[in-house]
Amino acid sequence: MRYSLLCFLLINVPCLSQKNETPVYLPTEESLSARETPEWYGNAKLGIFIHWGLYSVPGWATPTTTPDKVTDWRAFYKNNPYGEWYSNTLRIEGSATQAHHDKTYGKDFDYYEFASMFNEQNRIWDAQKWVSLFKETGAKYIVLTAKHHDGFTLYPSRIAHPFMEKILINSPRDLVGELQDETRKQNLKFGIYYSGGLDWSFYRSPITNLWPDLFKSMPQSVSYTAYVDTHFYELIHRYTPDVLWNDVNFPATGDMLGIMAELINHNSNVVFNNRWNSGLSKQTIINLTDFETPEYVVNDSVTERKWETCRGIGYSFGYNQNETEAHLLSSDELIDMFVDIVSKNGNLLLRACRKT
């Protein structure tokens, strides 16, 4: 009887270390759900969202509309205003991005050939200047795209890609690590964005419609699931982020609970966004994560659950050379929006991008 009770406690609830009474969380919903959202996140209010990758080299998209105003998703994807979706948009026949790419780089220029240009042009990058600028804005945390939908990582991952050469899919310079070091040096919280559910380096067919193209394009193979899981464990042990911002869901058979438990046990102050697994119930996702993530949308009213809207000052998250002042929020609009968000228990994760 005593043995059965001990087993129940070990499996179902966080336990306490006798030495320092620090909770140890297990990879179960019961254990992880017992954790409260760290206080720092509720007080942070403003974060900076850095979209930086191979797409920053062309820096080109058509600034047509923001996603909150979309009525025709096929038209949206063909004229996608998101610069970070360049790889997808250029493969849609008849898109303006495809025409621009063919004219500027040539029809035979593969997207991943941007890697050598990206790596070369970032030799002079200085993390200290970035973080100092972001700190001046009053931001309390920074979230960097360690891997966006194109699959290129901003650090020299040790995880081999099954289909692509390392030089085409990994930055040889540890941009994630350098930014993390400087962010913490200046007493800001550091976050990592990772596209867990979408990776065009595994699935090259373009997405042309939200339903069902986006979700059909999510690789679910054993090799991809293992690739994502090991990437997450690698990121945890190399950088121990304060924010883990997953995007477009997560492989259905992936080790989500194990990843969350591993990171929490290394960094009790970490927070998780809600974009993890479409196969789980909404309530389960609420139990396991710390905040909601509307995109280009401000909630109508105050909510008890913490939320964070993410958006650019313009129409894109990644750098887009076609955006003009007409596409950007004015200073007054940005301030009014920020006050509205904070008054409703929200944070603003505002895009910063770099022209490479």
Protein backbone atom coordinates (compact mmCIF):
# COMPACT_ATOMS: atom_id res chain seq x y z
CA MET A 1 0.00 0.00 0.00
CA ARG A 2 2.78 2.43 0.92
CA TYR A 3 4.64 1.49 -2.27
CA SER A 4 1.54 2.16 -4.40
CA LEU A 5 1.04 5.56 -2.79
CA LEU A 6 4.68 6.48 -3.44
CA CYS A 7 4.34 5.50 -7.11
CA PHE A 8 1.21 7.61 -7.44
CA LEU A 9 2.95 10.66 -6.01
CA LEU A 10 6.00 10.26 -8.23
CA ILE A 11 3.94 9.93 -11.37
CA ASN A 12 1.21 12.49 -10.80
CA VAL A 13 2.55 15.49 -8.90
CA PRO A 14 5.69 17.61 -8.84
CA CYS A 15 7.99 16.50 -6.09
CA LEU A 16 10.24 18.57 -3.85
CA SER A 17 13.96 18.21 -3.48
CA GLN A 18 14.85 17.69 0.17
CA LYS A 19 17.87 19.92 -0.27
CA ASN A 20 16.26 23.13 -1.54
CA GLU A 21 12.57 22.31 -1.96
CA THR A 22 12.68 23.15 -5.66
CA PRO A 23 9.81 21.47 -7.52
CA VAL A 24 10.82 18.76 -9.97
CA TYR A 25 8.30 18.36 -12.79
CA LEU A 26 7.51 15.15 -14.59
CA PRO A 27 6.51 14.81 -18.27
CA THR A 28 2.82 14.39 -17.47
CA GLU A 29 -0.10 16.75 -17.84
CA GLU A 30 -0.91 16.36 -14.15
CA SER A 31 2.56 17.40 -13.05
CA LEU A 32 3.06 20.24 -15.54
CA SER A 33 -0.42 21.67 -14.95
CA ALA A 34 0.39 22.22 -11.28
CA ARG A 35 2.86 24.94 -12.21
CA GLU A 36 1.91 28.63 -12.12
CA THR A 37 2.99 31.18 -14.72
CA PRO A 38 6.13 32.98 -13.51
CA GLU A 39 5.43 36.48 -12.26
CA TRP A 40 8.01 38.19 -14.47
CA TYR A 41 6.03 37.54 -17.63
CA GLY A 42 2.89 39.26 -16.40
CA ASN A 43 4.93 42.34 -15.53
CA ALA A 44 6.97 42.44 -18.74
CA LYS A 45 4.35 44.12 -20.99
CA LEU A 46 6.67 44.60 -24.01
CA GLY A 47 8.83 42.12 -25.89
CA ILE A 48 10.81 42.31 -29.13
CA PHE A 49 10.21 39.62 -31.78
CA ILE A 50 13.20 39.16 -34.09
CA HIS A 51 12.52 37.54 -37.46
CA TRP A 52 15.89 37.04 -39.08
CA GLY A 53 16.94 34.38 -41.54
CA LEU A 54 17.62 33.58 -45.20
CA TYR A 55 14.48 35.52 -46.15
CA SER A 56 16.21 38.65 -44.85
CA VAL A 57 18.56 38.57 -47.84
CA PRO A 58 15.92 39.22 -50.54
CA GLY A 59 13.73 41.09 -48.03
CA TRP A 60 10.83 41.18 -50.45
CA ALA A 61 7.06 40.75 -50.18
CA THR A 62 3.91 42.46 -51.39
CA PRO A 63 2.43 44.58 -48.54
CA THR A 64 -1.21 43.90 -49.36
CA THR A 65 -2.99 43.42 -46.04
CA THR A 66 -2.62 42.13 -42.50
CA PRO A 67 -3.95 38.66 -41.60
CA ASP A 68 -6.71 40.01 -39.35
CA LYS A 69 -8.34 41.56 -42.45
CA VAL A 70 -8.06 38.56 -44.80
CA THR A 71 -11.22 37.37 -46.58
CA ASP A 72 -9.55 35.29 -49.30
CA TRP A 73 -6.66 33.12 -48.07
CA ARG A 74 -5.63 31.99 -51.55
CA ALA A 75 -5.13 35.60 -52.55
CA PHE A 76 -3.31 36.24 -49.28
CA TYR A 77 -0.76 33.49 -49.80
CA LYS A 78 -0.17 34.36 -53.45
CA ASN A 79 0.49 37.97 -52.42
CA ASN A 80 1.84 37.19 -48.96
CA PRO A 81 2.88 40.35 -47.04
CA TYR A 82 5.08 38.29 -44.71
CA GLY A 83 8.69 38.61 -45.87
CA GLU A 84 9.62 35.50 -43.86
CA TRP A 85 7.30 33.46 -46.13
CA TYR A 86 9.43 34.29 -49.19
CA SER A 87 10.39 30.64 -49.79
CA ASN A 88 6.75 29.59 -49.95
CA THR A 89 5.48 32.52 -51.99
CA LEU A 90 8.15 32.26 -54.69
CA ARG A 91 6.96 28.70 -55.46
CA ILE A 92 3.39 29.84 -56.17
CA GLU A 93 2.98 30.21 -59.92
CA GLY A 94 2.13 33.73 -60.98
CA SER A 95 3.03 35.35 -57.65
CA ALA A 96 4.72 38.74 -57.64
CA THR A 97 7.45 37.24 -55.44
CA GLN A 98 8.19 34.58 -58.03
CA ALA A 99 8.43 37.22 -60.77
CA HIS A 100 10.73 39.33 -58.60
CA HIS A 101 12.93 36.35 -57.72
CA ASP A 102 13.30 35.19 -61.33
CA LYS A 103 14.18 38.70 -62.49
CA THR A 104 16.59 39.46 -59.65
CA TYR A 105 18.32 36.13 -59.02
CA GLY A 106 17.31 33.90 -61.95
CA LYS A 107 14.87 31.00 -62.32
CA ASP A 108 17.49 28.45 -61.32
CA PHE A 109 18.56 30.23 -58.13
CA ASP A 110 17.44 28.00 -55.25
CA TYR A 111 16.23 29.67 -52.08
CA TYR A 112 18.86 27.92 -49.95
CA GLU A 113 21.63 29.51 -52.02
CA PHE A 114 20.87 32.60 -49.93
CA ALA A 115 22.70 30.83 -47.08
CA SER A 116 26.18 31.83 -48.27
CA MET A 117 25.07 35.44 -48.70
CA PHE A 118 23.40 35.47 -45.28
CA ASN A 119 26.48 34.06 -43.55
CA GLU A 120 28.87 36.43 -45.28
CA GLN A 121 26.87 39.58 -44.64
CA ASN A 122 26.40 38.77 -40.96
CA ARG A 123 30.11 38.73 -40.19
CA ILE A 124 29.88 42.29 -38.86
CA TRP A 125 26.73 41.75 -36.78
CA ASP A 126 26.99 43.06 -33.20
CA ALA A 127 24.59 41.63 -30.61
CA GLN A 128 25.43 44.34 -28.09
CA LYS A 129 24.09 47.11 -30.33
CA TRP A 130 20.82 45.26 -30.89
CA VAL A 131 20.13 44.52 -27.25
CA SER A 132 21.04 48.04 -26.14
CA LEU A 133 18.59 49.48 -28.66
CA PHE A 134 15.81 47.10 -27.58
CA LYS A 135 16.42 47.87 -23.92
CA GLU A 136 16.03 51.59 -24.63
CA THR A 137 12.49 50.93 -25.89
CA GLY A 138 11.52 49.57 -22.47
CA ALA A 139 11.25 45.97 -23.68
CA LYS A 140 11.76 43.35 -20.98
CA TYR A 141 12.27 40.29 -23.18
CA ILE A 142 13.55 39.34 -26.63
CA VAL A 143 12.39 36.38 -28.72
CA LEU A 144 14.58 35.25 -31.65
CA THR A 145 13.65 32.90 -34.49
CA ALA A 146 16.06 30.01 -33.96
CA LYS A 147 14.33 28.20 -36.82
CA HIS A 148 11.53 29.56 -38.97
CA HIS A 149 9.41 27.69 -41.53
CA ASP A 150 12.26 27.50 -44.05
CA GLY A 151 14.17 25.23 -41.66
CA PHE A 152 17.37 27.29 -41.51
CA THR A 153 18.74 27.49 -37.95
CA LEU A 154 20.49 30.58 -36.61
CA TYR A 155 23.01 28.45 -34.77
CA PRO A 156 25.37 25.59 -35.74
CA SER A 157 23.10 22.73 -34.78
CA ARG A 158 24.67 19.32 -34.19
CA ILE A 159 21.48 17.62 -35.39
CA ALA A 160 21.97 16.35 -38.93
CA HIS A 161 19.31 17.23 -41.49
CA PRO A 162 18.33 14.06 -43.39
CA PHE A 163 18.06 15.79 -46.77
CA MET A 164 20.22 18.90 -46.78
CA GLU A 165 23.87 19.83 -46.36
CA LYS A 166 24.76 21.52 -43.10
CA ILE A 167 26.07 24.67 -44.80
CA LEU A 168 22.68 25.23 -46.44
CA ILE A 169 20.52 24.70 -43.36
CA ASN A 170 22.61 25.86 -40.35
CA SER A 171 24.34 29.13 -39.58
CA PRO A 172 28.04 28.46 -38.84
CA ARG A 173 27.98 31.41 -36.45
CA ASP A 174 26.05 30.98 -33.21
CA LEU A 175 23.74 33.96 -33.59
CA VAL A 176 21.32 32.54 -31.01
CA GLY A 177 24.04 32.08 -28.44
CA GLU A 178 25.57 35.52 -28.94
CA LEU A 179 22.19 37.23 -28.63
CA GLN A 180 21.34 35.16 -25.58
CA ASP A 181 24.60 36.09 -23.86
CA GLU A 182 24.13 39.80 -24.50
CA THR A 183 20.43 39.77 -23.59
CA ARG A 184 21.13 38.26 -20.19
CA LYS A 185 24.16 40.49 -19.72
CA GLN A 186 21.82 43.47 -20.01
CA ASN A 187 19.29 41.87 -17.63
CA LEU A 188 16.55 41.12 -20.13
CA LYS A 189 14.76 37.80 -20.56
CA PHE A 190 15.69 35.69 -23.57
CA GLY A 191 13.24 33.70 -25.69
CA ILE A 192 13.47 31.27 -28.57
CA TYR A 193 10.97 30.90 -31.40
CA TYR A 194 10.93 27.54 -33.18
CA SER A 195 8.68 26.44 -36.01
CA GLY A 196 7.77 22.99 -34.75
CA GLY A 197 4.88 22.16 -37.03
CA LEU A 198 6.02 23.58 -40.35
CA ASP A 199 9.34 23.08 -42.14
CA TRP A 200 9.59 23.56 -45.90
CA SER A 201 12.98 21.85 -46.03
CA PHE A 202 11.07 18.61 -45.40
CA TYR A 203 8.01 19.46 -47.50
CA ARG A 204 8.48 21.64 -50.57
CA SER A 205 4.91 21.95 -51.92
CA PRO A 206 3.74 25.55 -51.55
CA ILE A 207 0.89 26.48 -49.23
CA THR A 208 -1.78 28.31 -51.20
CA ASN A 209 -4.71 28.26 -48.78
CA LEU A 210 -5.15 28.26 -45.02
CA TRP A 211 -7.59 25.35 -44.98
CA PRO A 212 -6.48 22.67 -45.46
CA ASP A 213 -3.14 23.41 -47.13
CA LEU A 214 -1.37 24.75 -44.04
CA PHE A 215 -2.07 21.71 -41.91
CA LYS A 216 -1.54 19.18 -44.71
CA SER A 217 1.89 20.69 -45.22
CA MET A 218 3.02 19.83 -41.71
CA PRO A 219 5.49 16.92 -41.89
CA GLN A 220 4.60 14.05 -39.55
CA SER A 221 7.26 11.51 -40.49
CA VAL A 222 9.29 9.67 -37.88
CA SER A 223 12.43 11.41 -39.12
CA TYR A 224 10.91 14.87 -38.82
CA THR A 225 9.45 14.20 -35.38
CA ALA A 226 12.84 12.98 -34.14
CA TYR A 227 14.51 15.99 -35.76
CA VAL A 228 12.20 18.44 -33.95
CA ASP A 229 12.43 16.68 -30.60
CA THR A 230 16.22 16.61 -30.65
CA HIS A 231 16.37 20.24 -31.78
CA PHE A 232 14.30 21.27 -28.78
CA TYR A 233 16.48 19.34 -26.34
CA GLU A 234 19.54 20.87 -27.99
CA LEU A 235 18.12 24.38 -27.61
CA ILE A 236 17.23 23.74 -23.98
CA HIS A 237 20.70 22.56 -23.03
CA ARG A 238 22.57 25.16 -25.05
CA TYR A 239 20.49 28.24 -24.23
CA THR A 240 17.91 27.44 -21.48
CA PRO A 241 15.45 30.08 -22.76
CA ASP A 242 13.05 32.09 -20.59
CA VAL A 243 10.39 31.92 -23.33
CA LEU A 244 9.80 28.91 -25.57
CA TRP A 245 7.65 30.13 -28.45
CA ASN A 246 6.58 27.24 -30.68
CA ASP A 247 4.69 27.95 -33.91
CA VAL A 248 2.12 26.20 -36.14
CA ASN A 249 1.52 23.29 -33.77
CA PHE A 250 3.84 20.35 -33.12
CA PRO A 251 4.31 16.80 -34.50
CA ALA A 252 1.48 14.64 -33.20
CA THR A 253 3.83 12.01 -31.79
CA GLY A 254 6.47 14.46 -30.60
CA ASP A 255 7.78 14.59 -27.04
CA MET A 256 6.06 17.82 -26.06
CA LEU A 257 5.58 16.94 -22.39
CA GLY A 258 9.16 15.75 -22.06
CA ILE A 259 10.47 18.94 -23.65
CA MET A 260 8.41 21.14 -21.33
CA ALA A 261 9.43 19.22 -18.21
CA GLU A 262 13.09 19.27 -19.22
CA LEU A 263 13.13 23.02 -19.69
CA ILE A 264 11.12 23.84 -16.56
CA ASN A 265 13.49 21.72 -14.47
CA HIS A 266 16.42 23.70 -15.87
CA ASN A 267 14.72 27.10 -15.76
CA SER A 268 11.76 27.49 -13.43
CA ASN A 269 11.08 30.98 -14.85
CA VAL A 270 10.33 29.79 -18.38
CA VAL A 271 6.98 30.48 -20.07
CA PHE A 272 5.38 28.63 -22.99
CA ASN A 273 3.05 30.02 -25.64
CA ASN A 274 -0.07 28.13 -26.73
CA ARG A 275 0.78 27.16 -30.34
CA TRP A 276 1.73 23.56 -29.72
CA ASN A 277 -0.47 20.64 -30.69
CA SER A 278 -3.74 20.62 -32.61
CA GLY A 279 -4.30 16.99 -31.54
CA LEU A 280 -4.76 17.99 -27.91
CA SER A 281 -7.89 19.50 -26.45
CA LYS A 282 -8.06 23.25 -25.97
CA GLN A 283 -8.27 22.76 -22.21
CA THR A 284 -5.14 20.59 -22.21
CA ILE A 285 -3.21 23.29 -24.07
CA ILE A 286 -4.45 25.89 -21.56
CA ASN A 287 -3.31 23.66 -18.69
CA LEU A 288 0.17 23.17 -20.15
CA THR A 289 0.93 26.67 -21.45
CA ASP A 290 1.12 30.18 -20.03
CA PHE A 291 -0.39 32.57 -22.56
CA GLU A 292 -2.48 32.93 -25.72
CA THR A 293 -0.95 34.33 -28.92
CA PRO A 294 -3.32 36.24 -31.20
CA GLU A 295 -1.60 37.64 -34.31
CA TYR A 296 -2.26 41.23 -35.40
CA VAL A 297 -5.32 41.15 -33.13
CA VAL A 298 -6.08 42.98 -29.88
CA ASN A 299 -8.55 41.31 -27.53
CA ASP A 300 -11.90 43.03 -27.09
CA SER A 301 -11.90 42.85 -23.31
CA VAL A 302 -9.88 42.00 -20.22
CA THR A 303 -9.15 38.29 -19.84
CA GLU A 304 -8.03 36.41 -16.75
CA ARG A 305 -5.63 34.29 -18.78
CA LYS A 306 -2.51 36.10 -19.91
CA TRP A 307 -2.22 36.83 -23.63
CA GLU A 308 0.33 38.31 -25.99
CA THR A 309 -0.39 39.79 -29.39
CA CYS A 310 2.45 39.58 -31.89
CA ARG A 311 2.76 41.81 -34.92
CA GLY A 312 5.03 44.03 -36.94
CA ILE A 313 4.92 47.80 -37.02
CA GLY A 314 4.08 47.18 -40.67
CA TYR A 315 2.56 44.20 -42.49
CA SER A 316 5.51 41.83 -42.20
CA PHE A 317 7.50 40.17 -39.43
CA GLY A 318 10.61 39.73 -41.58
CA TYR A 319 12.32 42.64 -43.34
CA ASN A 320 10.39 43.82 -46.42
CA GLN A 321 11.97 46.48 -48.60
CA ASN A 322 8.57 47.27 -50.12
CA GLU A 323 7.05 48.56 -46.90
CA THR A 324 6.78 52.32 -46.80
CA GLU A 325 5.63 54.74 -44.14
CA ALA A 326 2.08 54.21 -45.40
CA HIS A 327 2.26 50.57 -44.22
CA LEU A 328 3.58 51.37 -40.75
CA LEU A 329 1.78 52.28 -37.56
CA SER A 330 2.32 55.88 -36.55
CA SER A 331 3.86 56.61 -33.16
CA ASP A 332 0.46 57.62 -31.78
CA GLU A 333 -1.20 54.47 -33.14
CA LEU A 334 1.50 52.26 -31.66
CA ILE A 335 1.28 53.91 -28.24
CA ASP A 336 -2.53 53.77 -28.18
CA MET A 337 -2.47 50.10 -29.17
CA PHE A 338 0.13 49.25 -26.53
CA VAL A 339 -1.87 50.96 -23.76
CA ASP A 340 -5.02 49.13 -24.90
CA ILE A 341 -3.21 45.76 -24.85
CA VAL A 342 -1.68 46.24 -21.40
CA SER A 343 -5.02 47.44 -19.96
CA LYS A 344 -6.55 44.09 -20.99
CA ASN A 345 -3.91 41.88 -19.32
CA GLY A 346 -1.89 41.51 -22.51
CA ASN A 347 1.70 41.84 -23.65
CA LEU A 348 2.88 43.20 -26.99
CA LEU A 349 5.53 41.19 -28.83
CA LEU A 350 6.62 43.66 -31.47
CA ARG A 351 8.56 42.68 -34.54
CA ALA A 352 12.11 43.78 -35.13
CA CYS A 353 13.84 42.64 -38.30
CA ARG A 354 17.23 42.97 -39.89
CA LYS A 355 18.15 43.61 -43.49
CA THR A 356 20.98 41.20 -44.19
